[in-house]
Amino acid sequence: MCTETKAQSNSETLVNESDQTLVESDAGQTSSGAVPGRQGTRGKLRHLSRSTQFVICATIILGLTMTFVGNLVSQSIEDATVQTAAEAGARYMEHFLEPFVQGLTTAKELPIETIQTIDHLLSSTSLSTHIVSVKIWLPDGTIAYSTDKSAVQKHFPTEEISQALTGKIYTELDNDLEDNTADDVEDAFERSLNIPLYEIFAPLREAGTGKIIAVGEFYETAQALQREINNVRKKVWAIVGTATMAMLLLLFFIVRRDDKIIKQQMDEQARLHSNNAALQHKVTTANREFSRINELTLRRIGADLHDGPAQLLSLILLRLEELEGSPGASDGEVLEMIRRAGEDALNEVREISLGLALPEVNDLTLHDALVLLAQRHEERTETRVELELDTLPSDVPIAHKICIYRFAQEALNNAYIHAGGKGQKLSAFYSEGLLEVQVKDAGVGISTEKPSVPGRGRTHLGLVGMRYRVESLGGIFIIESAPHTGTKARAQFKI
């Protein structure tokens, strides 16, 4: 079974725990400093979604606005309807009454015959079905004729008379039957009928000159007009209510959609913040550990130099001293031994230097650097490396290029040491900004137990150095190995 070891860190857990601690502390401070009476409603509103909060506010604002608009439109329609009906009735009554008031140009009262004629016409014609009372006013506010005979020749100062004397038609819908004050004695008769009425004041003119000589007032039943106004008001409120609900629903769906988008963006931002915090912690840890690995590497190099070339050089010096103190010994044998020791020391120094010296990769593309690495590894180890290189970007940063070169070099060295160079393969792929480099072999595999702890041997030290070298540039290091199936080392970078 394949065992996979990935470069992980505890930063995500630390971030989550710290965020949770901050949230709990903020919540504790809010709850400790809150006023229960005032904060209760605000707390409930804050727990609602933004779309719900918007609908509540929009309902209040649109409700008040549409109520004002509905009242305004209803009142305007009512006024227009009453005015239209009044003007039609006023024109009719002008033609009906004007022939009877021509004598008021010289007299202050109507003849008895004229009064009787008007009474007869009002009671015998179709006017009696909707006209309940008629008055004729003189310009000074005196009633010259009235259906209620008790009001004749009485004087009442009224504003409506003044408006009608200027040539305007004045109308008023009077459906407040209970408001009968002392100042309203001039229409006490009409109010006593207990039916909704609207009164109309129309100027009455002198034939030929057009001079206003009197004002005609008549009261018309308003049941039919009121029914029509109520029907219109219902239609207006139905339209206003429907429009309000349509706007609320439309705004709700728009805000809810935007709310979802904002929430997704906030969640994505929080996720990116968490990932950035984890990555920053990982990079910091990698840099710190990489410094420690460098120190261990320097110690290992020192040990290799001490145990290898230094010992051989010491042997050479010792044999030279023996040669000087033993003139009878065979010079040829001693010199041959010294020559072999010097060659061995030189070879070991070259081997150590070969691992330290980095070829000039500044002027090479990543593709060419990996090809050069494979060739040098084959020459040094007399093994074969299979190459599988995708089309790689030509503008890879030099830091990434060196890191990838060292990663592949160490991985190939491990493949040679532990797998004898069997099945060595170096691969590199690039797709949608992700660069991945792999080195695998067909050896017996390595133990991946606790690979992040620097071990006593070269293998674990190399693995830890590879991992922190890759992670120091924000990459991901992965080791996959299983018994008798070989080992695969992978490094991934966002380029």
Protein backbone atom coordinates (compact mmCIF):
# COMPACT_ATOMS: atom_id res chain seq x y z
CA MET A 1 0.00 0.00 0.00
CA CYS A 2 1.31 3.48 -0.91
CA THR A 3 2.29 5.75 1.96
CA GLU A 4 2.12 9.49 1.27
CA THR A 5 3.91 12.11 3.31
CA LYS A 6 3.00 15.74 2.64
CA ALA A 7 4.43 19.00 3.90
CA GLN A 8 1.90 20.02 6.52
CA SER A 9 1.92 22.49 9.38
CA ASN A 10 -0.08 23.27 12.46
CA SER A 11 -0.64 26.85 11.36
CA GLU A 12 -4.21 26.24 10.21
CA THR A 13 -5.11 24.85 13.64
CA LEU A 14 -3.36 27.75 15.32
CA VAL A 15 -5.21 30.26 13.13
CA ASN A 16 -8.56 28.64 13.79
CA GLU A 17 -7.91 28.53 17.53
CA SER A 18 -6.77 32.15 17.63
CA ASP A 19 -9.74 33.31 15.55
CA GLN A 20 -12.10 31.42 17.84
CA THR A 21 -10.45 32.97 20.91
CA LEU A 22 -10.78 36.45 19.45
CA VAL A 23 -14.43 35.89 18.58
CA GLU A 24 -15.17 34.59 22.07
CA SER A 25 -13.39 37.52 23.71
CA ASP A 26 -15.17 40.05 21.50
CA ALA A 27 -18.48 38.40 22.24
CA GLY A 28 -17.72 38.52 25.97
CA GLN A 29 -16.87 42.23 25.82
CA THR A 30 -20.01 42.99 23.85
CA SER A 31 -22.24 41.08 26.19
CA SER A 32 -20.66 42.60 29.28
CA GLY A 33 -21.02 46.17 28.05
CA ALA A 34 -24.44 45.87 26.42
CA VAL A 35 -27.64 47.42 27.72
CA PRO A 36 -30.27 44.64 27.70
CA GLY A 37 -33.24 46.84 26.88
CA ARG A 38 -31.62 48.71 24.04
CA GLN A 39 -29.36 46.00 22.63
CA GLY A 40 -31.98 43.24 22.54
CA THR A 41 -33.71 44.44 19.38
CA ARG A 42 -30.44 45.40 17.72
CA GLY A 43 -29.00 41.99 18.52
CA LYS A 44 -31.99 40.25 16.97
CA LEU A 45 -31.73 42.41 13.84
CA ARG A 46 -28.01 41.72 13.51
CA HIS A 47 -28.62 37.99 13.53
CA LEU A 48 -30.97 38.34 10.55
CA SER A 49 -29.62 38.11 7.03
CA ARG A 50 -28.91 41.31 5.13
CA SER A 51 -31.74 40.61 2.71
CA THR A 52 -34.21 40.23 5.61
CA GLN A 53 -32.95 43.42 7.24
CA PHE A 54 -33.33 45.20 3.92
CA VAL A 55 -36.89 43.92 3.45
CA ILE A 56 -37.86 45.16 6.92
CA CYS A 57 -36.42 48.62 6.30
CA ALA A 58 -37.75 48.78 2.74
CA THR A 59 -41.22 47.71 3.93
CA ILE A 60 -41.30 50.55 6.46
CA ILE A 61 -40.00 53.17 4.03
CA LEU A 62 -42.03 52.01 1.02
CA GLY A 63 -45.09 51.49 3.22
CA LEU A 64 -44.97 55.08 4.45
CA THR A 65 -44.18 56.41 0.98
CA MET A 66 -46.91 54.43 -0.74
CA THR A 67 -49.40 55.36 1.98
CA PHE A 68 -48.68 59.02 1.32
CA VAL A 69 -48.84 58.49 -2.45
CA GLY A 70 -52.08 56.49 -2.15
CA ASN A 71 -53.73 59.14 -0.01
CA LEU A 72 -52.54 61.87 -2.35
CA VAL A 73 -53.78 60.07 -5.46
CA SER A 74 -57.07 59.10 -3.83
CA GLN A 75 -57.69 62.64 -2.64
CA SER A 76 -56.76 64.06 -6.03
CA ILE A 77 -59.14 61.66 -7.80
CA GLU A 78 -61.87 62.45 -5.28
CA ASP A 79 -61.42 66.18 -5.73
CA ALA A 80 -61.37 65.85 -9.51
CA THR A 81 -64.48 63.65 -9.52
CA VAL A 82 -66.41 65.99 -7.25
CA GLN A 83 -65.28 69.03 -9.22
CA THR A 84 -66.31 67.45 -12.52
CA ALA A 85 -69.73 66.48 -11.18
CA ALA A 86 -70.13 69.91 -9.62
CA GLU A 87 -69.27 71.74 -12.81
CA ALA A 88 -71.73 69.65 -14.78
CA GLY A 89 -74.45 70.27 -12.20
CA ALA A 90 -73.56 73.95 -11.94
CA ARG A 91 -73.92 74.48 -15.69
CA TYR A 92 -77.31 72.84 -15.59
CA MET A 93 -78.50 74.84 -12.58
CA GLU A 94 -77.22 78.08 -14.08
CA HIS A 95 -79.47 77.62 -17.10
CA PHE A 96 -82.30 76.53 -14.78
CA LEU A 97 -82.14 79.43 -12.29
CA GLU A 98 -80.79 82.36 -14.29
CA PRO A 99 -84.15 83.15 -15.98
CA PHE A 100 -85.74 83.57 -12.50
CA VAL A 101 -83.15 85.95 -11.03
CA GLN A 102 -83.10 88.64 -13.70
CA GLY A 103 -85.31 90.84 -11.54
CA LEU A 104 -82.68 90.94 -8.79
CA THR A 105 -80.78 93.57 -10.74
CA THR A 106 -83.19 96.16 -9.34
CA ALA A 107 -84.90 94.36 -6.42
CA LYS A 108 -83.64 92.65 -3.28
CA GLU A 109 -86.21 89.85 -3.27
CA LEU A 110 -88.01 87.56 -5.69
CA PRO A 111 -91.68 87.93 -6.51
CA ILE A 112 -94.07 85.38 -4.95
CA GLU A 113 -94.96 84.04 -8.41
CA THR A 114 -91.30 83.35 -9.20
CA ILE A 115 -90.80 81.54 -5.91
CA GLN A 116 -93.86 79.38 -6.52
CA THR A 117 -92.71 78.58 -10.05
CA ILE A 118 -89.28 77.48 -8.79
CA ASP A 119 -90.89 75.32 -6.07
CA HIS A 120 -93.18 73.71 -8.63
CA LEU A 121 -90.35 72.95 -11.04
CA LEU A 122 -88.15 71.50 -8.32
CA SER A 123 -90.90 69.19 -7.10
CA SER A 124 -92.38 68.12 -10.42
CA THR A 125 -89.29 67.56 -12.58
CA SER A 126 -86.57 64.96 -12.46
CA LEU A 127 -84.48 67.34 -10.38
CA SER A 128 -86.35 66.22 -7.28
CA THR A 129 -84.69 62.80 -7.48
CA HIS A 130 -81.19 64.11 -6.79
CA ILE A 131 -81.54 67.82 -5.88
CA VAL A 132 -82.77 68.09 -2.27
CA SER A 133 -82.34 71.81 -1.62
CA VAL A 134 -81.78 75.05 -3.55
CA LYS A 135 -80.77 78.52 -2.36
CA ILE A 136 -80.37 81.82 -4.18
CA TRP A 137 -77.98 84.26 -2.50
CA LEU A 138 -77.75 87.99 -3.02
CA PRO A 139 -74.23 89.46 -3.25
CA ASP A 140 -74.53 90.80 0.31
CA GLY A 141 -75.09 87.31 1.77
CA THR A 142 -78.88 87.50 2.01
CA ILE A 143 -80.87 84.43 0.98
CA ALA A 144 -83.44 85.46 -1.64
CA TYR A 145 -84.79 81.94 -2.16
CA SER A 146 -84.50 78.67 -0.25
CA THR A 147 -86.24 75.33 -0.22
CA ASP A 148 -86.25 75.82 3.54
CA LYS A 149 -88.57 78.86 3.78
CA SER A 150 -87.38 79.71 7.29
CA ALA A 151 -84.03 80.82 5.89
CA VAL A 152 -85.43 83.32 3.33
CA GLN A 153 -84.31 86.95 3.79
CA LYS A 154 -81.76 85.95 6.40
CA HIS A 155 -78.17 87.12 6.17
CA PHE A 156 -75.23 84.73 6.57
CA PRO A 157 -71.60 85.70 5.94
CA THR A 158 -70.01 82.82 4.03
CA GLU A 159 -66.71 82.46 2.20
CA GLU A 160 -68.26 80.34 -0.52
CA ILE A 161 -70.41 83.27 -1.63
CA SER A 162 -67.31 85.41 -2.04
CA GLN A 163 -65.65 82.77 -4.21
CA ALA A 164 -68.73 82.35 -6.40
CA LEU A 165 -69.06 86.13 -6.83
CA THR A 166 -65.60 86.08 -8.47
CA GLY A 167 -66.94 83.71 -11.12
CA LYS A 168 -65.66 80.45 -9.66
CA ILE A 169 -67.67 77.31 -9.09
CA TYR A 170 -67.18 76.05 -5.56
CA THR A 171 -68.10 72.57 -4.42
CA GLU A 172 -67.77 70.65 -1.16
CA LEU A 173 -68.56 67.04 -0.29
CA ASP A 174 -70.47 67.14 2.99
CA ASN A 175 -70.78 63.69 4.55
CA ASP A 176 -70.13 64.69 8.20
CA LEU A 177 -73.75 64.69 9.28
CA GLU A 178 -73.09 64.91 12.99
CA ASP A 179 -70.95 68.07 12.90
CA ASN A 180 -73.84 70.56 13.26
CA THR A 181 -72.49 73.55 15.11
CA ALA A 182 -74.11 76.91 15.82
CA ASP A 183 -72.24 78.51 12.95
CA ASP A 184 -73.88 76.11 10.46
CA VAL A 185 -77.51 77.20 10.98
CA GLU A 186 -77.81 78.25 7.34
CA ASP A 187 -77.63 74.57 6.24
CA ALA A 188 -79.39 73.10 9.26
CA PHE A 189 -82.23 71.88 7.05
CA GLU A 190 -79.90 69.99 4.75
CA ARG A 191 -78.06 68.39 7.63
CA SER A 192 -81.34 67.28 9.15
CA LEU A 193 -81.90 65.03 6.12
CA ASN A 194 -79.08 62.71 7.36
CA ILE A 195 -77.86 61.75 3.91
CA PRO A 196 -74.47 62.43 2.28
CA LEU A 197 -74.65 65.56 0.13
CA TYR A 198 -72.33 67.77 -1.81
CA GLU A 199 -73.13 71.44 -2.14
CA ILE A 200 -72.40 73.51 -5.19
CA PHE A 201 -72.11 77.29 -5.46
CA ALA A 202 -72.44 78.74 -8.98
CA PRO A 203 -72.56 82.38 -10.12
CA LEU A 204 -75.82 83.57 -11.70
CA ARG A 205 -75.39 86.27 -14.33
CA GLU A 206 -77.50 89.01 -15.89
CA ALA A 207 -78.61 88.24 -19.41
CA GLY A 208 -76.78 90.28 -22.02
CA THR A 209 -74.11 91.81 -19.74
CA GLY A 210 -72.79 88.69 -17.98
CA LYS A 211 -72.68 90.58 -14.68
CA ILE A 212 -72.99 88.35 -11.59
CA ILE A 213 -76.17 89.36 -9.80
CA ALA A 214 -76.65 86.35 -7.50
CA VAL A 215 -75.21 83.04 -6.42
CA GLY A 216 -77.07 79.77 -6.76
CA GLU A 217 -76.51 77.07 -4.15
CA PHE A 218 -77.94 73.61 -4.43
CA TYR A 219 -77.44 70.37 -2.53
CA GLU A 220 -77.24 67.14 -4.50
CA THR A 221 -77.35 63.64 -3.11
CA ALA A 222 -73.88 62.06 -3.02
CA GLN A 223 -74.63 58.35 -2.61
CA ALA A 224 -73.85 57.49 -6.24
CA LEU A 225 -70.87 59.82 -6.32
CA GLN A 226 -69.56 58.43 -3.05
CA ARG A 227 -69.89 54.87 -4.33
CA GLU A 228 -67.94 55.82 -7.42
CA ILE A 229 -65.26 57.52 -5.31
CA ASN A 230 -65.01 54.47 -3.03
CA ASN A 231 -64.62 52.18 -6.05
CA VAL A 232 -61.91 54.41 -7.47
CA ARG A 233 -60.18 54.54 -4.07
CA LYS A 234 -60.19 50.74 -3.86
CA LYS A 235 -58.70 50.47 -7.32
CA VAL A 236 -56.03 53.04 -6.46
CA TRP A 237 -55.07 51.21 -3.26
CA ALA A 238 -55.06 47.88 -5.09
CA ILE A 239 -52.70 49.29 -7.71
CA VAL A 240 -50.50 50.97 -5.10
CA GLY A 241 -50.41 47.83 -2.96
CA THR A 242 -49.59 45.61 -5.92
CA ALA A 243 -46.85 47.98 -7.09
CA THR A 244 -45.42 48.14 -3.56
CA MET A 245 -45.36 44.36 -3.20
CA ALA A 246 -43.82 43.98 -6.66
CA MET A 247 -41.08 46.47 -5.81
CA LEU A 248 -40.43 44.81 -2.46
CA LEU A 249 -40.19 41.36 -4.02
CA LEU A 250 -37.95 42.60 -6.84
CA LEU A 251 -35.67 44.44 -4.44
CA PHE A 252 -35.66 41.45 -2.09
CA PHE A 253 -34.51 39.04 -4.80
CA ILE A 254 -31.88 41.51 -6.03
CA VAL A 255 -30.55 42.13 -2.51
CA ARG A 256 -30.68 38.42 -1.64
CA ARG A 257 -28.67 37.58 -4.76
CA ASP A 258 -26.13 40.30 -3.99
CA ASP A 259 -26.12 39.19 -0.35
CA LYS A 260 -25.20 35.67 -1.43
CA ILE A 261 -22.44 37.03 -3.67
CA ILE A 262 -21.09 39.20 -0.84
CA LYS A 263 -21.27 36.26 1.58
CA GLN A 264 -19.42 34.04 -0.87
CA GLN A 265 -16.77 36.73 -1.33
CA MET A 266 -16.43 37.15 2.44
CA ASP A 267 -16.15 33.38 2.91
CA GLU A 268 -13.57 33.24 0.13
CA GLN A 269 -11.70 36.15 1.71
CA ALA A 270 -11.76 34.41 5.09
CA ARG A 271 -10.53 31.19 3.48
CA LEU A 272 -7.74 33.05 1.66
CA HIS A 273 -6.82 34.82 4.89
CA SER A 274 -6.60 31.48 6.67
CA ASN A 275 -4.57 29.97 3.84
CA ASN A 276 -2.25 32.99 3.76
CA ALA A 277 -1.74 32.76 7.51
CA ALA A 278 -1.00 29.04 7.22
CA LEU A 279 1.35 29.66 4.29
CA GLN A 280 3.13 32.45 6.13
CA HIS A 281 3.60 30.21 9.15
CA LYS A 282 4.84 27.42 6.89
CA VAL A 283 7.32 29.71 5.13
CA THR A 284 8.59 31.07 8.46
CA THR A 285 9.03 27.56 9.79
CA ALA A 286 10.73 26.45 6.58
CA ASN A 287 13.19 29.36 6.70
CA ARG A 288 14.02 28.66 10.32
CA GLU A 289 14.44 24.94 9.75
CA PHE A 290 16.34 25.52 6.54
CA SER A 291 18.91 27.56 8.46
CA ARG A 292 19.24 24.72 10.93
CA ILE A 293 19.59 22.19 8.09
CA ASN A 294 22.30 24.34 6.52
CA GLU A 295 24.19 24.22 9.80
CA LEU A 296 23.82 20.44 9.94
CA THR A 297 24.94 20.21 6.32
CA LEU A 298 28.04 22.24 7.07
CA ARG A 299 28.80 19.92 10.00
CA ARG A 300 28.35 16.89 7.74
CA ILE A 301 30.71 18.40 5.15
CA GLY A 302 33.22 19.09 7.90
CA ALA A 303 32.95 15.48 9.07
CA ASP A 304 33.36 14.19 5.52
CA LEU A 305 36.45 16.34 5.00
CA HIS A 306 37.91 15.24 8.35
CA ASP A 307 37.22 11.56 7.88
CA GLY A 308 38.14 11.41 4.22
CA PRO A 309 40.74 13.71 2.60
CA ALA A 310 42.18 14.85 5.94
CA GLN A 311 42.95 11.28 6.99
CA LEU A 312 44.54 10.49 3.64
CA LEU A 313 46.64 13.63 3.76
CA SER A 314 47.72 12.73 7.29
CA LEU A 315 48.76 9.30 6.02
CA ILE A 316 50.79 10.91 3.25
CA LEU A 317 52.61 13.15 5.75
CA LEU A 318 53.26 10.19 8.02
CA ARG A 319 54.70 8.10 5.18
CA LEU A 320 56.87 11.01 4.12
CA GLU A 321 58.30 11.20 7.63
CA GLU A 322 58.94 7.46 7.59
CA LEU A 323 60.61 7.83 4.23
CA GLU A 324 62.97 10.45 5.58
CA GLY A 325 63.82 8.27 8.63
CA SER A 326 64.32 4.97 6.68
CA PRO A 327 66.84 5.56 3.88
CA GLY A 328 67.11 1.83 3.22
CA ALA A 329 63.43 1.28 2.38
CA SER A 330 62.19 0.87 -1.09
CA ASP A 331 61.53 4.38 -2.37
CA GLY A 332 59.42 3.14 -5.25
CA GLU A 333 56.88 1.36 -3.07
CA VAL A 334 56.52 4.28 -0.67
CA LEU A 335 56.12 6.77 -3.47
CA GLU A 336 53.50 4.57 -5.14
CA MET A 337 51.56 4.37 -1.90
CA ILE A 338 51.80 8.14 -1.44
CA ARG A 339 50.63 8.70 -5.00
CA ARG A 340 47.59 6.44 -4.52
CA ALA A 341 46.71 8.16 -1.21
CA GLY A 342 47.02 11.59 -2.87
CA GLU A 343 44.78 10.48 -5.76
CA ASP A 344 42.19 9.13 -3.32
CA ALA A 345 42.24 12.37 -1.33
CA LEU A 346 41.86 14.39 -4.51
CA ASN A 347 38.94 12.25 -5.67
CA GLU A 348 37.17 12.63 -2.35
CA VAL A 349 37.65 16.41 -2.39
CA ARG A 350 36.24 16.47 -5.92
CA GLU A 351 33.24 14.38 -4.85
CA ILE A 352 32.52 16.76 -1.99
CA SER A 353 33.01 19.83 -4.21
CA LEU A 354 30.76 18.36 -6.87
CA GLY A 355 27.89 18.30 -4.36
CA LEU A 356 28.55 21.89 -3.31
CA ALA A 357 29.24 23.62 -6.59
CA LEU A 358 26.20 24.77 -8.51
CA PRO A 359 26.52 25.04 -12.28
CA GLU A 360 25.71 28.36 -13.89
CA VAL A 361 21.90 28.21 -14.28
CA ASN A 362 21.27 31.94 -14.57
CA ASP A 363 21.56 31.84 -18.34
CA LEU A 364 19.82 28.47 -18.69
CA THR A 365 16.10 27.80 -18.91
CA LEU A 366 14.60 25.40 -16.40
CA HIS A 367 14.33 22.78 -19.15
CA ASP A 368 18.03 23.07 -20.03
CA ALA A 369 19.06 23.08 -16.35
CA LEU A 370 17.23 19.81 -15.71
CA VAL A 371 18.74 18.24 -18.85
CA LEU A 372 22.23 19.31 -17.68
CA LEU A 373 21.54 17.88 -14.21
CA ALA A 374 20.53 14.51 -15.65
CA GLN A 375 23.62 14.37 -17.88
CA ARG A 376 26.00 15.13 -15.00
CA HIS A 377 24.30 12.59 -12.78
CA GLU A 378 24.65 9.94 -15.49
CA GLU A 379 28.34 10.79 -15.97
CA ARG A 380 29.10 10.72 -12.26
CA THR A 381 27.17 7.55 -11.40
CA GLU A 382 27.36 5.72 -14.76
CA THR A 383 23.59 5.15 -14.55
CA ARG A 384 20.73 6.13 -16.81
CA VAL A 385 18.10 8.81 -16.05
CA GLU A 386 14.87 8.81 -18.04
CA LEU A 387 13.68 12.34 -18.83
CA GLU A 388 10.04 13.40 -19.30
CA LEU A 389 9.92 17.20 -19.54
CA ASP A 390 6.78 19.07 -20.50
CA THR A 391 6.80 22.51 -22.11
CA LEU A 392 8.10 24.54 -19.16
CA PRO A 393 7.92 28.32 -18.70
CA SER A 394 11.02 30.21 -19.76
CA ASP A 395 10.72 32.94 -17.12
CA VAL A 396 11.03 30.86 -13.93
CA PRO A 397 12.56 33.01 -11.13
CA ILE A 398 16.18 32.21 -10.35
CA ALA A 399 15.33 31.30 -6.73
CA HIS A 400 12.82 28.69 -7.91
CA LYS A 401 15.25 27.45 -10.56
CA ILE A 402 18.03 26.86 -8.01
CA CYS A 403 15.56 25.26 -5.58
CA ILE A 404 14.26 22.86 -8.26
CA TYR A 405 17.82 22.03 -9.36
CA ARG A 406 18.90 21.20 -5.78
CA PHE A 407 15.71 19.24 -5.13
CA ALA A 408 16.18 17.09 -8.24
CA GLN A 409 19.92 16.68 -7.54
CA GLU A 410 19.33 15.43 -3.99
CA ALA A 411 16.48 13.17 -5.12
CA LEU A 412 18.64 11.60 -7.85
CA ASN A 413 21.50 11.11 -5.36
CA ASN A 414 19.09 9.32 -3.02
CA ALA A 415 17.86 7.19 -5.94
CA TYR A 416 21.45 6.19 -6.72
CA ILE A 417 22.38 5.51 -3.08
CA HIS A 418 19.27 3.58 -2.04
CA ALA A 419 18.06 2.11 -5.35
CA GLY A 420 21.37 1.73 -7.14
CA GLY A 421 20.11 4.03 -9.88
CA LYS A 422 17.44 1.53 -10.87
CA GLY A 423 14.45 3.02 -12.70
CA GLN A 424 15.58 6.64 -12.26
CA LYS A 425 13.18 9.06 -13.90
CA LEU A 426 13.08 12.87 -13.81
CA SER A 427 9.77 14.50 -14.86
CA ALA A 428 8.52 18.08 -14.98
CA PHE A 429 5.01 19.31 -15.86
CA TYR A 430 3.41 22.76 -16.09
CA SER A 431 -0.32 23.44 -16.35
CA GLU A 432 -2.48 26.44 -15.40
CA GLY A 433 0.23 28.08 -13.31
CA LEU A 434 1.19 24.89 -11.40
CA LEU A 435 4.74 23.56 -11.90
CA GLU A 436 5.45 20.03 -10.64
CA VAL A 437 8.83 18.24 -10.65
CA GLN A 438 9.09 14.49 -9.88
CA VAL A 439 11.99 12.14 -9.29
CA LYS A 440 11.25 8.44 -8.86
CA ASP A 441 13.13 5.16 -8.78
CA ALA A 442 12.33 1.44 -8.77
CA GLY A 443 14.21 0.53 -5.59
CA VAL A 444 13.05 -1.17 -2.41
CA GLY A 445 11.55 2.06 -1.04
CA ILE A 446 12.40 4.03 2.06
CA SER A 447 10.73 4.38 5.42
CA THR A 448 8.57 7.49 5.58
CA GLU A 449 8.07 7.21 9.32
CA LYS A 450 8.80 10.61 10.88
CA PRO A 451 10.53 12.00 7.79
CA SER A 452 10.40 15.55 9.10
CA VAL A 453 12.80 14.81 12.00
CA PRO A 454 16.47 15.06 11.07
CA GLY A 455 17.81 11.56 11.51
CA ARG A 456 21.19 10.25 12.27
CA GLY A 457 21.83 9.25 8.70
CA ARG A 458 22.23 11.09 5.45
CA THR A 459 18.82 10.10 4.06
CA HIS A 460 16.65 11.82 6.65
CA LEU A 461 18.85 14.90 6.63
CA GLY A 462 18.50 15.10 2.86
CA LEU A 463 14.71 14.66 2.96
CA VAL A 464 14.27 17.35 5.59
CA GLY A 465 16.52 19.72 3.66
CA MET A 466 14.55 19.08 0.47
CA ARG A 467 11.23 19.67 2.22
CA TYR A 468 12.19 22.94 3.85
CA ARG A 469 13.98 24.17 0.74
CA VAL A 470 10.74 23.69 -1.26
CA GLU A 471 8.47 25.09 1.44
CA SER A 472 10.66 28.18 1.91
CA LEU A 473 9.44 29.31 -1.55
CA GLY A 474 5.80 28.49 -0.79
CA GLY A 475 5.88 25.11 -2.53
CA ILE A 476 4.57 21.69 -1.49
CA PHE A 477 6.90 18.73 -0.90
CA ILE A 478 5.55 15.18 -1.11
CA ILE A 479 7.25 11.80 -0.63
CA GLU A 480 5.46 8.64 -1.82
CA SER A 481 7.04 5.29 -1.05
CA ALA A 482 6.02 1.70 -0.42
CA PRO A 483 8.07 -1.44 0.14
CA HIS A 484 9.50 -2.92 -3.06
CA THR A 485 7.71 -0.36 -5.27
CA GLY A 486 10.24 2.42 -5.29
CA THR A 487 10.12 6.02 -4.12
CA LYS A 488 8.71 9.16 -5.70
CA ALA A 489 9.66 12.69 -4.58
CA ARG A 490 7.43 15.52 -5.79
CA ALA A 491 7.74 19.30 -5.54
CA GLN A 492 4.91 21.66 -6.58
CA PHE A 493 5.13 25.42 -7.10
CA LYS A 494 2.71 28.16 -8.18
CA ILE A 495 4.57 30.01 -10.92
